[in-house]
Amino acid sequence: MILINLLPHREAKRLARKRSFFAAMAAFALAGVAVGLVWYSVLQQMTTAQQARNEFLKSEIARLDSQIKDIATLRQEIEALKARQRAVEDLQTDRNTPIHLLDELVKQTPEGVYLTSIKQTGQVVAVTGVAQTNERVSEFLRNTLYNSPWLENPELVEIKVATPTAANREQRRLFDFSMRLNLKRPQPPAAAEAAIPAASAPAGTDKRT
């Protein structure tokens, strides 16, 4: 016996496919929403953690800025104290300068040279005197140039034959001279020792035997 299906089976299959399609679409939509919610939650957690890190960095930067300001203030105070110390040392040195000046002139004046006038103007000292010979004046200049820690830049202003007087008319000829000197402050021992190796170090010499 032959059975004939008179129902609209094609429409039924089409409806079944539609229902399956919409069900799949709904499932995908729900899955997408779930994934979106999870991703949003993760982003929120990452954003919160980053904001916490940013707040921590801001607080640390503010603390470091405060410390930097304190360090800058301390440096200014240290520089001010150093300036005061230098001022006190310079004042002490300037107070003792006349003593050192006279002492150095006594040490560096050779025999046969007699000083008649010493005048200090600031750091410049004008000296006049009488010498037995020109060589004595030259020796005086060399002594003040190379041997004195307090005198520098000697400059001979004038030298001439002394005008004879009734008292020394029969004596040997003398020379009147005048010169200028500059006062200097000796370097501290540490600075002087540091400068000596730098000045005496050979400049790229290579000796081979």
Protein backbone atom coordinates (compact mmCIF):
# COMPACT_ATOMS: atom_id res chain seq x y z
CA MET A 1 0.00 0.00 0.00
CA ILE A 2 1.42 3.35 -1.01
CA LEU A 3 1.42 6.16 1.59
CA ILE A 4 1.26 9.71 0.35
CA ASN A 5 2.20 12.56 2.74
CA LEU A 6 -0.12 15.39 1.96
CA LEU A 7 1.24 17.66 4.78
CA PRO A 8 3.44 20.73 3.85
CA HIS A 9 6.71 19.03 4.86
CA ARG A 10 8.84 21.60 3.11
CA GLU A 11 7.38 24.39 5.16
CA ALA A 12 7.88 22.36 8.30
CA LYS A 13 11.57 21.78 7.50
CA ARG A 14 11.99 25.47 6.69
CA LEU A 15 10.46 26.43 10.01
CA ALA A 16 12.65 23.91 11.80
CA ARG A 17 15.75 25.36 10.13
CA LYS A 18 14.66 28.87 11.07
CA ARG A 19 14.12 27.85 14.66
CA SER A 20 17.55 26.20 14.71
CA PHE A 21 19.15 29.27 13.13
CA PHE A 22 17.53 31.67 15.59
CA ALA A 23 18.40 29.38 18.47
CA ALA A 24 22.04 29.32 17.32
CA MET A 25 22.01 33.10 16.88
CA ALA A 26 20.59 33.52 20.38
CA ALA A 27 23.23 31.16 21.76
CA PHE A 28 26.00 33.09 19.97
CA ALA A 29 24.55 36.38 21.20
CA LEU A 30 24.45 35.12 24.76
CA ALA A 31 28.00 33.81 24.41
CA GLY A 32 29.10 37.19 23.00
CA VAL A 33 27.42 39.03 25.81
CA ALA A 34 29.07 36.73 28.34
CA VAL A 35 32.48 37.20 26.73
CA GLY A 36 31.91 40.97 26.61
CA LEU A 37 30.96 41.03 30.28
CA VAL A 38 34.01 39.00 31.20
CA TRP A 39 36.28 41.25 29.10
CA TYR A 40 34.67 44.36 30.55
CA SER A 41 35.22 43.00 34.04
CA VAL A 42 38.87 42.27 33.22
CA LEU A 43 39.30 45.78 31.76
CA GLN A 44 37.73 47.28 34.85
CA GLN A 45 40.12 45.35 37.08
CA MET A 46 43.11 46.37 34.91
CA THR A 47 41.95 50.00 34.93
CA THR A 48 41.53 49.95 38.70
CA ALA A 49 44.97 48.39 39.16
CA GLN A 50 46.54 50.95 36.80
CA GLN A 51 44.82 53.81 38.60
CA ALA A 52 46.15 52.46 41.89
CA ARG A 53 49.65 52.32 40.40
CA ASN A 54 49.26 55.86 39.06
CA GLU A 55 48.19 57.12 42.47
CA PHE A 56 51.15 55.38 44.06
CA LEU A 57 53.52 56.91 41.49
CA LYS A 58 52.01 60.36 42.06
CA SER A 59 52.50 60.06 45.81
CA GLU A 60 56.09 58.85 45.34
CA ILE A 61 56.83 61.67 42.89
CA ALA A 62 55.41 64.21 45.34
CA ARG A 63 57.56 62.72 48.12
CA LEU A 64 60.66 62.82 45.90
CA ASP A 65 59.91 66.42 44.88
CA SER A 66 59.76 67.33 48.54
CA GLN A 67 63.08 65.58 49.17
CA ILE A 68 64.63 67.33 46.15
CA LYS A 69 63.49 70.68 47.51
CA ASP A 70 65.01 69.79 50.88
CA ILE A 71 68.27 68.78 49.19
CA ALA A 72 68.34 72.03 47.20
CA THR A 73 67.78 73.98 50.41
CA LEU A 74 70.56 72.03 52.14
CA ARG A 75 72.92 72.71 49.23
CA GLN A 76 72.16 76.42 49.41
CA GLU A 77 72.82 76.38 53.14
CA ILE A 78 76.07 74.46 52.60
CA GLU A 79 77.19 76.94 49.93
CA ALA A 80 76.31 79.83 52.23
CA LEU A 81 78.32 78.25 55.05
CA LYS A 82 81.26 77.69 52.70
CA ALA A 83 81.08 81.31 51.58
CA ARG A 84 81.09 82.46 55.19
CA GLN A 85 84.01 80.18 55.96
CA ARG A 86 85.95 81.55 52.99
CA ALA A 87 85.13 85.10 54.08
CA VAL A 88 86.39 84.38 57.60
CA GLU A 89 89.54 82.71 56.24
CA ASP A 90 90.18 85.60 53.85
CA LEU A 91 89.67 88.07 56.68
CA GLN A 92 92.10 86.14 58.86
CA THR A 93 94.60 86.00 56.01
CA ASP A 94 94.22 89.70 55.21
CA ARG A 95 94.75 90.54 58.87
CA ASN A 96 98.04 88.65 58.86
CA THR A 97 99.10 89.86 55.40
CA PRO A 98 101.33 92.75 56.59
CA ILE A 99 103.23 90.33 58.84
CA HIS A 100 103.72 87.84 56.00
CA LEU A 101 104.68 90.67 53.63
CA LEU A 102 107.41 92.02 55.88
CA ASP A 103 108.62 88.51 56.66
CA GLU A 104 108.83 87.59 52.97
CA LEU A 105 110.62 90.81 52.05
CA VAL A 106 113.18 90.11 54.76
CA LYS A 107 113.66 86.54 53.48
CA GLN A 108 113.87 87.40 49.80
CA THR A 109 115.98 90.58 49.99
CA PRO A 110 119.59 89.64 49.16
CA GLU A 111 122.67 91.15 50.70
CA GLY A 112 123.57 94.50 49.21
CA VAL A 113 119.93 95.60 48.83
CA TYR A 114 118.38 98.03 51.29
CA LEU A 115 114.67 98.82 51.24
CA THR A 116 113.73 102.41 51.96
CA SER A 117 109.95 102.39 51.34
CA ILE A 118 107.14 99.82 51.29
CA LYS A 119 103.60 100.81 50.29
CA GLN A 120 100.66 98.43 49.92
CA THR A 121 97.59 99.32 47.88
CA GLY A 122 95.15 96.43 47.83
CA GLN A 123 97.09 93.45 46.53
CA VAL A 124 99.82 95.59 44.93
CA VAL A 125 102.97 96.44 46.86
CA ALA A 126 105.32 99.22 45.77
CA VAL A 127 108.89 98.85 46.99
CA THR A 128 111.77 101.32 46.69
CA GLY A 129 115.32 100.83 47.82
CA VAL A 130 119.02 101.10 47.20
CA ALA A 131 121.25 98.38 45.76
CA GLN A 132 124.98 98.05 45.45
CA THR A 133 124.75 96.61 41.91
CA ASN A 134 122.25 95.84 39.17
CA GLU A 135 122.84 92.14 39.81
CA ARG A 136 121.53 92.50 43.36
CA VAL A 137 118.28 93.97 42.03
CA SER A 138 118.00 91.09 39.52
CA GLU A 139 118.54 88.58 42.32
CA PHE A 140 115.81 90.29 44.35
CA LEU A 141 113.42 89.98 41.40
CA ARG A 142 114.25 86.29 40.94
CA ASN A 143 113.76 85.54 44.63
CA THR A 144 110.32 87.14 44.74
CA LEU A 145 109.32 85.41 41.50
CA TYR A 146 110.40 81.83 42.26
CA ASN A 147 110.97 81.45 46.00
CA SER A 148 108.10 83.26 47.71
CA PRO A 149 104.66 81.74 48.44
CA TRP A 150 103.28 85.22 49.19
CA LEU A 151 104.76 87.38 46.42
CA GLU A 152 104.33 87.12 42.67
CA ASN A 153 104.66 89.03 39.39
CA PRO A 154 107.59 91.27 40.36
CA GLU A 155 108.03 94.17 37.98
CA LEU A 156 110.98 96.54 37.92
CA VAL A 157 109.65 100.06 37.50
CA GLU A 158 112.90 102.05 37.51
CA ILE A 159 116.56 101.73 38.33
CA LYS A 160 119.07 104.54 38.19
CA VAL A 161 122.37 105.60 39.62
CA ALA A 162 121.88 107.11 43.06
CA THR A 163 122.65 110.80 43.42
CA PRO A 164 125.81 111.06 45.52
CA THR A 165 125.65 113.05 48.74
CA ALA A 166 128.32 114.68 50.80
CA ALA A 167 128.33 111.67 53.14
CA ASN A 168 128.84 108.99 50.48
CA ARG A 169 130.59 110.97 47.74
CA GLU A 170 133.76 108.96 48.25
CA GLN A 171 131.97 105.59 48.47
CA ARG A 172 131.21 103.22 45.60
CA ARG A 173 128.35 103.93 43.25
CA LEU A 174 124.85 102.85 44.37
CA PHE A 175 121.59 102.32 42.46
CA ASP A 176 118.13 103.57 43.37
CA PHE A 177 115.33 101.24 42.24
CA SER A 178 111.58 100.89 42.51
CA MET A 179 109.49 97.81 41.79
CA ARG A 180 105.95 96.49 42.08
CA LEU A 181 104.83 93.15 43.51
CA ASN A 182 101.52 91.35 43.82
CA LEU A 183 100.41 89.64 46.99
CA LYS A 184 98.94 86.16 46.74
CA ARG A 185 97.47 83.67 49.16
CA PRO A 186 99.32 80.35 49.31
CA GLN A 187 97.36 77.29 48.18
CA PRO A 188 96.20 74.87 50.88
CA PRO A 189 98.53 71.85 51.21
CA ALA A 190 95.95 69.44 49.74
CA ALA A 191 95.41 71.60 46.66
CA ALA A 192 99.14 72.09 46.19
CA GLU A 193 99.82 68.34 46.41
CA ALA A 194 97.04 67.64 43.90
CA ALA A 195 98.43 70.24 41.50
CA ILE A 196 102.01 68.91 41.58
CA PRO A 197 101.32 65.46 40.02
CA ALA A 198 99.11 67.04 37.38
CA ALA A 199 101.84 69.49 36.42
CA SER A 200 104.67 66.93 36.49
CA ALA A 201 102.85 64.07 34.68
CA PRO A 202 104.46 63.26 31.28
CA ALA A 203 102.32 64.08 28.27
CA GLY A 204 102.21 60.85 26.27
CA THR A 205 105.94 60.06 26.42
CA ASP A 206 107.08 56.54 25.67
CA LYS A 207 110.67 55.74 26.47
CA ARG A 208 112.08 52.49 25.18
CA THR A 209 115.57 51.17 25.60
